[in-house]
Amino acid sequence: LAQESDPGLMLRVFVSGGGCSGFQYGFTFDNTANDDDFRLPTATPVVVDAMSMQYLQGATVHYRDDAAGAAFVIENPNATSTCGCGSSFSA
């Protein structure tokens, strides 16, 4: 967010169908929150849509930057299984 020129940007975290385990995580920048979005009380503005929130309730999102590369990592207690890449899950 610091590299973008829009101070109103938020990180949108969402779940969509697909991936090798049934659902996949997605991340995008957004400057508009919808009426049914959940705004999370975090240092970085994060929003989650209502449908995704049912799969992300209790999850934590981390930004990891190490020798393997930079990526968001989700630890999701609702996931019954995950794929090897960590970007898809089943619930």
C-alpha atoms as a PDB file:
ATOM      1  CA  LEU A   1       0.000   0.000   0.000  1.00  0.00           C
ATOM      2  CA  ALA A   2       2.876   2.368   0.751  1.00  0.00           C
ATOM      3  CA  GLN A   3       4.025   2.179  -2.885  1.00  0.00           C
ATOM      4  CA  GLU A   4       0.624   3.144  -4.295  1.00  0.00           C
ATOM      5  CA  SER A   5      -0.328   6.781  -4.787  1.00  0.00           C
ATOM      6  CA  ASP A   6      -3.852   6.356  -3.363  1.00  0.00           C
ATOM      7  CA  PRO A   7      -3.976   6.807   0.440  1.00  0.00           C
ATOM      8  CA  GLY A   8      -7.540   5.434   0.506  1.00  0.00           C
ATOM      9  CA  LEU A   9      -6.571   1.951  -0.687  1.00  0.00           C
ATOM     10  CA  MET A  10      -7.479  -1.085   1.380  1.00  0.00           C
ATOM     11  CA  LEU A  11      -6.400  -4.690   1.089  1.00  0.00           C
ATOM     12  CA  ARG A  12      -9.362  -6.817   0.018  1.00  0.00           C
ATOM     13  CA  VAL A  13      -9.124 -10.482   1.036  1.00  0.00           C
ATOM     14  CA  PHE A  14     -11.623 -12.850  -0.563  1.00  0.00           C
ATOM     15  CA  VAL A  15     -12.474 -16.486  -1.193  1.00  0.00           C
ATOM     16  CA  SER A  16     -13.609 -17.764  -4.583  1.00  0.00           C
ATOM     17  CA  GLY A  17     -14.379 -21.156  -6.049  1.00  0.00           C
ATOM     18  CA  GLY A  18     -11.495 -22.903  -7.738  1.00  0.00           C
ATOM     19  CA  GLY A  19      -7.995 -24.027  -7.000  1.00  0.00           C
ATOM     20  CA  CYS A  20      -6.968 -27.632  -6.536  1.00  0.00           C
ATOM     21  CA  SER A  21      -8.837 -27.981  -3.210  1.00  0.00           C
ATOM     22  CA  GLY A  22     -12.192 -26.331  -4.024  1.00  0.00           C
ATOM     23  CA  PHE A  23     -11.718 -22.748  -2.805  1.00  0.00           C
ATOM     24  CA  GLN A  24      -8.918 -20.294  -3.331  1.00  0.00           C
ATOM     25  CA  TYR A  25      -7.785 -17.150  -1.558  1.00  0.00           C
ATOM     26  CA  GLY A  26      -7.525 -13.869  -3.390  1.00  0.00           C
ATOM     27  CA  PHE A  27      -6.012 -10.492  -2.606  1.00  0.00           C
ATOM     28  CA  THR A  28      -6.476  -7.182  -4.338  1.00  0.00           C
ATOM     29  CA  PHE A  29      -6.315  -3.479  -3.594  1.00  0.00           C
ATOM     30  CA  ASP A  30      -9.621  -1.663  -3.450  1.00  0.00           C
ATOM     31  CA  ASN A  31     -10.562   1.925  -2.705  1.00  0.00           C
ATOM     32  CA  THR A  32     -14.262   1.239  -2.134  1.00  0.00           C
ATOM     33  CA  ALA A  33     -15.884  -0.740   0.661  1.00  0.00           C
ATOM     34  CA  ASN A  34     -19.352  -2.158   0.026  1.00  0.00           C
ATOM     35  CA  ASP A  35     -22.208  -2.019   2.546  1.00  0.00           C
ATOM     36  CA  ASP A  36     -21.861  -5.727   3.370  1.00  0.00           C
ATOM     37  CA  ASP A  37     -18.061  -5.662   3.756  1.00  0.00           C
ATOM     38  CA  PHE A  38     -16.413  -6.350   7.073  1.00  0.00           C
ATOM     39  CA  ARG A  39     -13.741  -3.790   7.926  1.00  0.00           C
ATOM     40  CA  LEU A  40     -11.127  -5.445  10.070  1.00  0.00           C
ATOM     41  CA  PRO A  41      -9.504  -3.510  12.922  1.00  0.00           C
ATOM     42  CA  THR A  42      -5.922  -3.778  11.689  1.00  0.00           C
ATOM     43  CA  ALA A  43      -3.026  -1.353  11.175  1.00  0.00           C
ATOM     44  CA  THR A  44      -3.380  -1.868   7.417  1.00  0.00           C
ATOM     45  CA  PRO A  45      -6.959  -1.315   6.213  1.00  0.00           C
ATOM     46  CA  VAL A  46      -8.427  -4.751   5.337  1.00  0.00           C
ATOM     47  CA  VAL A  47     -11.913  -5.520   4.033  1.00  0.00           C
ATOM     48  CA  VAL A  48     -13.636  -8.875   3.522  1.00  0.00           C
ATOM     49  CA  ASP A  49     -16.958  -9.408   1.749  1.00  0.00           C
ATOM     50  CA  ALA A  50     -19.762 -11.181   3.623  1.00  0.00           C
ATOM     51  CA  MET A  51     -19.592 -14.423   1.604  1.00  0.00           C
ATOM     52  CA  SER A  52     -15.838 -14.746   2.127  1.00  0.00           C
ATOM     53  CA  MET A  53     -16.089 -13.941   5.822  1.00  0.00           C
ATOM     54  CA  GLN A  54     -17.934 -17.198   6.508  1.00  0.00           C
ATOM     55  CA  TYR A  55     -14.809 -19.068   5.318  1.00  0.00           C
ATOM     56  CA  LEU A  56     -12.295 -16.683   6.911  1.00  0.00           C
ATOM     57  CA  GLN A  57     -13.821 -16.320  10.390  1.00  0.00           C
ATOM     58  CA  GLY A  58     -10.969 -16.761  12.880  1.00  0.00           C
ATOM     59  CA  ALA A  59      -8.274 -16.793  10.175  1.00  0.00           C
ATOM     60  CA  THR A  60      -5.085 -14.756  10.344  1.00  0.00           C
ATOM     61  CA  VAL A  61      -3.372 -13.106   7.380  1.00  0.00           C
ATOM     62  CA  HIS A  62       0.383 -12.627   7.420  1.00  0.00           C
ATOM     63  CA  TYR A  63       2.689 -10.979   4.919  1.00  0.00           C
ATOM     64  CA  ARG A  64       5.842 -13.025   4.580  1.00  0.00           C
ATOM     65  CA  ASP A  65       8.951 -11.832   2.767  1.00  0.00           C
ATOM     66  CA  ASP A  66      11.786 -14.343   2.873  1.00  0.00           C
ATOM     67  CA  ALA A  67      14.183 -16.256   0.634  1.00  0.00           C
ATOM     68  CA  ALA A  68      11.237 -18.078  -0.989  1.00  0.00           C
ATOM     69  CA  GLY A  69       9.670 -14.747  -1.999  1.00  0.00           C
ATOM     70  CA  ALA A  70       7.040 -12.336  -0.773  1.00  0.00           C
ATOM     71  CA  ALA A  71       3.471 -13.500  -0.280  1.00  0.00           C
ATOM     72  CA  PHE A  72       0.392 -13.267   1.878  1.00  0.00           C
ATOM     73  CA  VAL A  73      -0.135 -16.379   3.985  1.00  0.00           C
ATOM     74  CA  ILE A  74      -3.486 -17.298   5.534  1.00  0.00           C
ATOM     75  CA  GLU A  75      -3.756 -19.528   8.587  1.00  0.00           C
ATOM     76  CA  ASN A  76      -7.371 -20.674   8.430  1.00  0.00           C
ATOM     77  CA  PRO A  77      -8.898 -22.808  11.210  1.00  0.00           C
ATOM     78  CA  ASN A  78     -11.912 -23.493   8.935  1.00  0.00           C
ATOM     79  CA  ALA A  79      -9.835 -25.252   6.268  1.00  0.00           C
ATOM     80  CA  THR A  80     -10.160 -29.023   6.491  1.00  0.00           C
ATOM     81  CA  SER A  81      -7.376 -29.482   3.939  1.00  0.00           C
ATOM     82  CA  THR A  82      -5.060 -27.284   1.897  1.00  0.00           C
ATOM     83  CA  CYS A  83      -3.044 -27.746  -1.248  1.00  0.00           C
ATOM     84  CA  GLY A  84       0.734 -27.788  -1.335  1.00  0.00           C
ATOM     85  CA  CYS A  85       0.976 -24.214  -2.572  1.00  0.00           C
ATOM     86  CA  GLY A  86      -1.188 -22.913   0.290  1.00  0.00           C
ATOM     87  CA  SER A  87      -3.428 -20.807  -1.938  1.00  0.00           C
ATOM     88  CA  SER A  88      -6.410 -23.156  -2.042  1.00  0.00           C
ATOM     89  CA  PHE A  89      -8.338 -25.093   0.583  1.00  0.00           C
ATOM     90  CA  SER A  90     -11.459 -27.101   1.291  1.00  0.00           C
ATOM     91  CA  ALA A  91     -13.868 -26.394   4.120  1.00  0.00           C
END
